[in-house]
C-alpha atoms as a PDB file:
ATOM      1  CA  MET A   1    -278.567 -47.987 105.979  1.00  0.00           C
ATOM      2  CA  PRO A   2    -275.654 -49.946 107.439  1.00  0.00           C
ATOM      3  CA  PHE A   3    -274.633 -53.242 105.843  1.00  0.00           C
ATOM      4  CA  PRO A   4    -275.793 -55.849 108.410  1.00  0.00           C
ATOM      5  CA  VAL A   5    -272.846 -58.276 108.238  1.00  0.00           C
ATOM      6  CA  PHE A   6    -269.898 -55.900 108.167  1.00  0.00           C
ATOM      7  CA  GLY A   7    -271.501 -52.917 109.912  1.00  0.00           C
ATOM      8  CA  GLY A   8    -270.668 -50.541 107.074  1.00  0.00           C
ATOM      9  CA  THR A   9    -272.201 -49.363 103.872  1.00  0.00           C
ATOM     10  CA  PRO A  10    -271.945 -51.493 100.762  1.00  0.00           C
ATOM     11  CA  ARG A  11    -269.398 -50.406  98.177  1.00  0.00           C
ATOM     12  CA  HIS A  12    -270.058 -50.313  94.489  1.00  0.00           C
ATOM     13  CA  ARG A  13    -267.815 -52.714  92.633  1.00  0.00           C
ATOM     14  CA  ARG A  14    -266.139 -51.913  89.389  1.00  0.00           C
ATOM     15  CA  PRO A  15    -266.736 -54.448  86.628  1.00  0.00           C
ATOM     16  CA  ARG A  16    -263.801 -56.856  86.259  1.00  0.00           C
ATOM     17  CA  SER A  17    -261.882 -57.072  83.017  1.00  0.00           C
ATOM     18  CA  PRO A  18    -262.037 -60.136  80.731  1.00  0.00           C
ATOM     19  CA  GLY A  19    -258.342 -60.703  81.582  1.00  0.00           C
ATOM     20  CA  PHE A  20    -259.265 -61.143  85.242  1.00  0.00           C
ATOM     21  CA  ALA A  21    -261.813 -63.816  84.342  1.00  0.00           C
ATOM     22  CA  LEU A  22    -259.240 -65.659  82.219  1.00  0.00           C
ATOM     23  CA  CYS A  23    -256.692 -65.559  85.058  1.00  0.00           C
ATOM     24  CA  ALA A  24    -259.290 -66.836  87.517  1.00  0.00           C
ATOM     25  CA  LEU A  25    -260.178 -69.692  85.142  1.00  0.00           C
ATOM     26  CA  LEU A  26    -256.501 -70.652  84.771  1.00  0.00           C
ATOM     27  CA  VAL A  27    -255.998 -70.674  88.538  1.00  0.00           C
ATOM     28  CA  LEU A  28    -259.080 -72.843  89.056  1.00  0.00           C
ATOM     29  CA  SER A  29    -258.068 -75.277  86.329  1.00  0.00           C
ATOM     30  CA  ALA A  30    -254.651 -75.665  87.957  1.00  0.00           C
ATOM     31  CA  CYS A  31    -256.477 -76.975  91.034  1.00  0.00           C
ATOM     32  CA  ASN A  32    -258.037 -79.765  88.941  1.00  0.00           C
ATOM     33  CA  PRO A  33    -255.126 -81.633  87.302  1.00  0.00           C
ATOM     34  CA  THR A  34    -255.652 -84.233  84.606  1.00  0.00           C
ATOM     35  CA  PHE A  35    -253.800 -86.818  86.681  1.00  0.00           C
ATOM     36  CA  ASN A  36    -254.878 -86.638  90.321  1.00  0.00           C
ATOM     37  CA  TRP A  37    -252.639 -89.365  91.801  1.00  0.00           C
ATOM     38  CA  ARG A  38    -253.918 -91.263  94.829  1.00  0.00           C
ATOM     39  CA  GLU A  39    -252.955 -94.435  96.653  1.00  0.00           C
ATOM     40  CA  LEU A  40    -254.940 -97.611  96.074  1.00  0.00           C
ATOM     41  CA  ARG A  41    -254.748-100.540  98.513  1.00  0.00           C
ATOM     42  CA  PRO A  42    -257.038-103.263  97.194  1.00  0.00           C
ATOM     43  CA  GLU A  43    -258.795-105.103 100.009  1.00  0.00           C
ATOM     44  CA  GLY A  44    -257.631-108.702 100.438  1.00  0.00           C
ATOM     45  CA  THR A  45    -254.114-108.107  99.121  1.00  0.00           C
ATOM     46  CA  PRO A  46    -250.943-106.335 100.298  1.00  0.00           C
ATOM     47  CA  LEU A  47    -250.648-104.470  96.971  1.00  0.00           C
ATOM     48  CA  GLN A  48    -250.088-100.727  97.012  1.00  0.00           C
ATOM     49  CA  ALA A  49    -250.628 -98.841  93.777  1.00  0.00           C
ATOM     50  CA  LEU A  50    -250.924 -95.264  92.550  1.00  0.00           C
ATOM     51  CA  MET A  51    -253.930 -94.414  90.407  1.00  0.00           C
ATOM     52  CA  PRO A  52    -254.243 -91.087  88.548  1.00  0.00           C
ATOM     53  CA  CYS A  53    -258.001 -90.945  89.128  1.00  0.00           C
ATOM     54  CA  LYS A  54    -260.657 -92.421  91.397  1.00  0.00           C
ATOM     55  CA  PRO A  55    -261.069 -96.047  90.292  1.00  0.00           C
ATOM     56  CA  GLU A  56    -264.277 -97.961  89.865  1.00  0.00           C
ATOM     57  CA  THR A  57    -264.266-101.460  91.329  1.00  0.00           C
ATOM     58  CA  ALA A  58    -265.730-104.708  90.025  1.00  0.00           C
ATOM     59  CA  THR A  59    -265.369-108.442  90.631  1.00  0.00           C
ATOM     60  CA  ARG A  60    -266.205-111.184  88.166  1.00  0.00           C
ATOM     61  CA  PRO A  61    -265.318-114.849  87.681  1.00  0.00           C
ATOM     62  CA  VAL A  62    -262.789-115.590  84.912  1.00  0.00           C
ATOM     63  CA  PRO A  63    -260.887-118.754  83.908  1.00  0.00           C
ATOM     64  CA  LEU A  64    -257.351-117.313  84.239  1.00  0.00           C
ATOM     65  CA  ASP A  65    -255.467-120.563  83.676  1.00  0.00           C
ATOM     66  CA  GLY A  66    -258.036-122.497  81.691  1.00  0.00           C
ATOM     67  CA  GLY A  67    -259.374-124.077  84.859  1.00  0.00           C
ATOM     68  CA  ALA A  68    -262.315-123.264  87.055  1.00  0.00           C
ATOM     69  CA  PRO A  69    -263.360-119.608  87.102  1.00  0.00           C
ATOM     70  CA  THR A  70    -261.530-117.492  89.676  1.00  0.00           C
ATOM     71  CA  ASP A  71    -262.810-114.227  91.167  1.00  0.00           C
ATOM     72  CA  LEU A  72    -260.944-111.394  89.460  1.00  0.00           C
ATOM     73  CA  HIS A  73    -260.977-108.102  91.389  1.00  0.00           C
ATOM     74  CA  MET A  74    -260.587-105.051  89.126  1.00  0.00           C
ATOM     75  CA  HIS A  75    -259.973-101.351  89.761  1.00  0.00           C
ATOM     76  CA  SER A  76    -259.925 -99.017  86.762  1.00  0.00           C
ATOM     77  CA  CYS A  77    -260.362 -95.398  85.775  1.00  0.00           C
ATOM     78  CA  GLU A  78    -259.810 -93.028  82.870  1.00  0.00           C
ATOM     79  CA  ALA A  79    -257.702 -89.862  82.869  1.00  0.00           C
ATOM     80  CA  GLY A  80    -256.074 -87.878  80.105  1.00  0.00           C
ATOM     81  CA  GLY A  81    -257.492 -90.156  77.396  1.00  0.00           C
ATOM     82  CA  LEU A  82    -255.921 -93.247  79.002  1.00  0.00           C
ATOM     83  CA  THR A  83    -257.391 -96.190  80.896  1.00  0.00           C
ATOM     84  CA  PHE A  84    -255.538 -97.370  84.004  1.00  0.00           C
ATOM     85  CA  ALA A  85    -256.296-100.780  85.468  1.00  0.00           C
ATOM     86  CA  VAL A  86    -255.142-102.841  88.432  1.00  0.00           C
ATOM     87  CA  ALA A  87    -256.533-106.342  88.904  1.00  0.00           C
ATOM     88  CA  TRP A  88    -255.758-109.326  91.086  1.00  0.00           C
ATOM     89  CA  ALA A  89    -256.907-112.836  91.879  1.00  0.00           C
ATOM     90  CA  GLU A  90    -256.254-115.383  94.617  1.00  0.00           C
ATOM     91  CA  LEU A  91    -255.510-118.753  93.028  1.00  0.00           C
ATOM     92  CA  GLY A  92    -255.135-120.795  96.214  1.00  0.00           C
ATOM     93  CA  ASP A  93    -252.473-123.008  94.606  1.00  0.00           C
ATOM     94  CA  ALA A  94    -248.962-121.852  93.633  1.00  0.00           C
ATOM     95  CA  ALA A  95    -248.877-124.442  90.830  1.00  0.00           C
ATOM     96  CA  ARG A  96    -251.554-122.419  88.993  1.00  0.00           C
ATOM     97  CA  VAL A  97    -249.507-119.167  88.955  1.00  0.00           C
ATOM     98  CA  PRO A  98    -247.439-119.727  85.743  1.00  0.00           C
ATOM     99  CA  GLY A  99    -250.499-120.778  83.730  1.00  0.00           C
ATOM    100  CA  ALA A 100    -252.573-117.876  85.069  1.00  0.00           C
ATOM    101  CA  LEU A 101    -249.895-115.288  84.203  1.00  0.00           C
ATOM    102  CA  SER A 102    -249.458-116.774  80.726  1.00  0.00           C
ATOM    103  CA  GLY A 103    -253.210-116.821  80.115  1.00  0.00           C
ATOM    104  CA  TRP A 104    -253.554-113.249  81.362  1.00  0.00           C
ATOM    105  CA  ARG A 105    -250.808-112.052  78.991  1.00  0.00           C
ATOM    106  CA  ARG A 106    -252.597-113.698  76.054  1.00  0.00           C
ATOM    107  CA  ALA A 107    -255.911-112.141  77.113  1.00  0.00           C
ATOM    108  CA  SER A 108    -254.249-108.696  77.353  1.00  0.00           C
ATOM    109  CA  LEU A 109    -253.121-108.997  73.737  1.00  0.00           C
ATOM    110  CA  GLY A 110    -256.525-110.257  72.623  1.00  0.00           C
ATOM    111  CA  ALA A 111    -258.136-107.183  74.235  1.00  0.00           C
ATOM    112  CA  VAL A 112    -256.221-104.941  71.795  1.00  0.00           C
ATOM    113  CA  ARG A 113    -256.735-107.272  68.817  1.00  0.00           C
ATOM    114  CA  VAL A 114    -253.166-108.606  68.705  1.00  0.00           C
ATOM    115  CA  ASP A 115    -252.593-112.326  68.107  1.00  0.00           C
ATOM    116  CA  PRO A 116    -252.446-113.869  71.621  1.00  0.00           C
ATOM    117  CA  ALA A 117    -249.855-116.383  70.352  1.00  0.00           C
ATOM    118  CA  ARG A 118    -247.367-113.485  70.369  1.00  0.00           C
ATOM    119  CA  ALA A 119    -247.497-113.214  74.193  1.00  0.00           C
ATOM    120  CA  ASP A 120    -243.967-114.635  74.496  1.00  0.00           C
ATOM    121  CA  ASP A 121    -242.541-112.633  71.568  1.00  0.00           C
ATOM    122  CA  PRO A 122    -239.405-110.824  72.871  1.00  0.00           C
ATOM    123  CA  ALA A 123    -240.415-107.768  70.804  1.00  0.00           C
ATOM    124  CA  MET A 124    -243.435-107.366  73.105  1.00  0.00           C
ATOM    125  CA  ALA A 125    -241.495-107.593  76.379  1.00  0.00           C
ATOM    126  CA  TRP A 126    -240.416-104.655  78.496  1.00  0.00           C
ATOM    127  CA  ASN A 127    -238.402-104.636  81.689  1.00  0.00           C
ATOM    128  CA  ALA A 128    -241.149-104.310  84.292  1.00  0.00           C
ATOM    129  CA  ALA A 129    -240.272-104.253  87.979  1.00  0.00           C
ATOM    130  CA  VAL A 130    -242.594-104.499  90.974  1.00  0.00           C
ATOM    131  CA  SER A 131    -241.100-104.276  94.444  1.00  0.00           C
ATOM    132  CA  GLY A 132    -241.896-107.423  96.450  1.00  0.00           C
ATOM    133  CA  ALA A 133    -243.143-109.544  93.537  1.00  0.00           C
ATOM    134  CA  THR A 134    -241.563-112.967  92.999  1.00  0.00           C
ATOM    135  CA  VAL A 135    -242.398-113.073  89.277  1.00  0.00           C
ATOM    136  CA  VAL A 136    -242.818-110.043  86.960  1.00  0.00           C
ATOM    137  CA  GLN A 137    -243.484-110.088  83.221  1.00  0.00           C
ATOM    138  CA  GLY A 138    -243.789-106.867  81.222  1.00  0.00           C
ATOM    139  CA  LEU A 139    -245.838-106.676  78.033  1.00  0.00           C
ATOM    140  CA  THR A 140    -246.215-103.869  75.498  1.00  0.00           C
ATOM    141  CA  ALA A 141    -248.156-103.945  72.237  1.00  0.00           C
ATOM    142  CA  GLN A 142    -249.754-101.746  69.595  1.00  0.00           C
ATOM    143  CA  GLY A 143    -253.218-102.841  68.533  1.00  0.00           C
ATOM    144  CA  SER A 144    -256.725-101.450  68.167  1.00  0.00           C
ATOM    145  CA  ASN A 145    -259.734-100.974  70.421  1.00  0.00           C
ATOM    146  CA  HIS A 146    -263.292-102.252  69.852  1.00  0.00           C
ATOM    147  CA  ALA A 147    -263.960 -99.316  67.511  1.00  0.00           C
ATOM    148  CA  GLY A 148    -260.860-100.023  65.395  1.00  0.00           C
ATOM    149  CA  GLN A 149    -258.913 -97.017  66.724  1.00  0.00           C
ATOM    150  CA  PRO A 150    -255.175 -97.456  67.440  1.00  0.00           C
ATOM    151  CA  VAL A 151    -254.375 -98.291  71.057  1.00  0.00           C
ATOM    152  CA  GLN A 152    -251.233 -99.178  72.936  1.00  0.00           C
ATOM    153  CA  VAL A 153    -251.104-101.370  76.005  1.00  0.00           C
ATOM    154  CA  ARG A 154    -248.333-101.534  78.555  1.00  0.00           C
ATOM    155  CA  ALA A 155    -248.936-104.127  81.235  1.00  0.00           C
ATOM    156  CA  ALA A 156    -247.121-105.804  84.096  1.00  0.00           C
ATOM    157  CA  HIS A 157    -248.262-109.289  85.087  1.00  0.00           C
ATOM    158  CA  PHE A 158    -246.814-110.339  88.424  1.00  0.00           C
ATOM    159  CA  ALA A 159    -247.258-112.654  91.365  1.00  0.00           C
ATOM    160  CA  ARG A 160    -246.403-113.225  94.987  1.00  0.00           C
ATOM    161  CA  GLY A 161    -247.410-116.451  96.659  1.00  0.00           C
ATOM    162  CA  THR A 162    -250.748-117.567  95.266  1.00  0.00           C
ATOM    163  CA  GLN A 163    -251.934-114.080  94.267  1.00  0.00           C
ATOM    164  CA  VAL A 164    -251.552-112.903  90.665  1.00  0.00           C
ATOM    165  CA  TYR A 165    -251.828-109.309  89.488  1.00  0.00           C
ATOM    166  CA  GLN A 166    -252.050-107.168  86.388  1.00  0.00           C
ATOM    167  CA  ALA A 167    -251.407-103.445  86.155  1.00  0.00           C
ATOM    168  CA  ALA A 168    -252.018-101.903  82.736  1.00  0.00           C
ATOM    169  CA  VAL A 169    -252.305 -98.632  80.850  1.00  0.00           C
ATOM    170  CA  TYR A 170    -254.320 -98.510  77.601  1.00  0.00           C
ATOM    171  CA  GLY A 171    -254.512 -95.540  75.244  1.00  0.00           C
ATOM    172  CA  PRO A 172    -253.576 -94.023  71.911  1.00  0.00           C
ATOM    173  CA  ALA A 173    -250.194 -92.692  73.075  1.00  0.00           C
ATOM    174  CA  PRO A 174    -249.348 -93.145  76.778  1.00  0.00           C
ATOM    175  CA  SER A 175    -246.354 -91.016  77.741  1.00  0.00           C
ATOM    176  CA  ASP A 176    -243.325 -92.501  79.476  1.00  0.00           C
ATOM    177  CA  GLU A 177    -243.763 -89.973  82.287  1.00  0.00           C
ATOM    178  CA  VAL A 178    -247.330 -91.054  83.087  1.00  0.00           C
ATOM    179  CA  THR A 179    -246.769 -94.796  82.637  1.00  0.00           C
ATOM    180  CA  GLY A 180    -243.563 -94.520  84.682  1.00  0.00           C
ATOM    181  CA  ALA A 181    -245.421 -92.908  87.590  1.00  0.00           C
ATOM    182  CA  PHE A 182    -248.120 -95.598  87.424  1.00  0.00           C
ATOM    183  CA  PHE A 183    -245.770 -98.596  87.330  1.00  0.00           C
ATOM    184  CA  ASP A 184    -243.286 -97.109  89.823  1.00  0.00           C
ATOM    185  CA  GLY A 185    -246.183 -96.850  92.296  1.00  0.00           C
ATOM    186  CA  LEU A 186    -246.691-100.636  92.413  1.00  0.00           C
ATOM    187  CA  LYS A 187    -245.431-102.302  95.593  1.00  0.00           C
ATOM    188  CA  LEU A 188    -245.979-105.544  97.452  1.00  0.00           C
ATOM    189  CA  PRO A 189    -244.568-104.760 100.923  1.00  0.00           C
END
């Protein structure tokens, strides 16, 4: 009986070797990288960022500068055992920017159980750069997560006009290659 789709007779297939299955698995896994970089353009801001995974989005009110709560817009995801986060807020008043950035730096340290008073410690600074930002402050620290496990944070707190931003990577041992790609992808055109 002819094979209806191809008009011929079906052929008997030889069983594939275990090596073929392993090769096929390796090829398929190469199509699904740990860090699948994509552009993020948060609505309401000119920021362009690169995220290594599809971020989840949330908004919540927070008192960034000790004043009235401000809507903080967050985008975060996890890849390769690391958490990547980009957040921003519109302050509406340029006079609030320094206090908001300072408060955010202290909160970043508190999140990894490091004394927030050390936010201005030169040992915790790193030379962060964000194209188009008028103020950029880099922060790096070794602390612990909520379960007491070691965690490092590398964050950039920056501003342009009345908008303030944070981009951060949290994890046990973020590589310079991955954090470099993340922070190099930040732009305020």
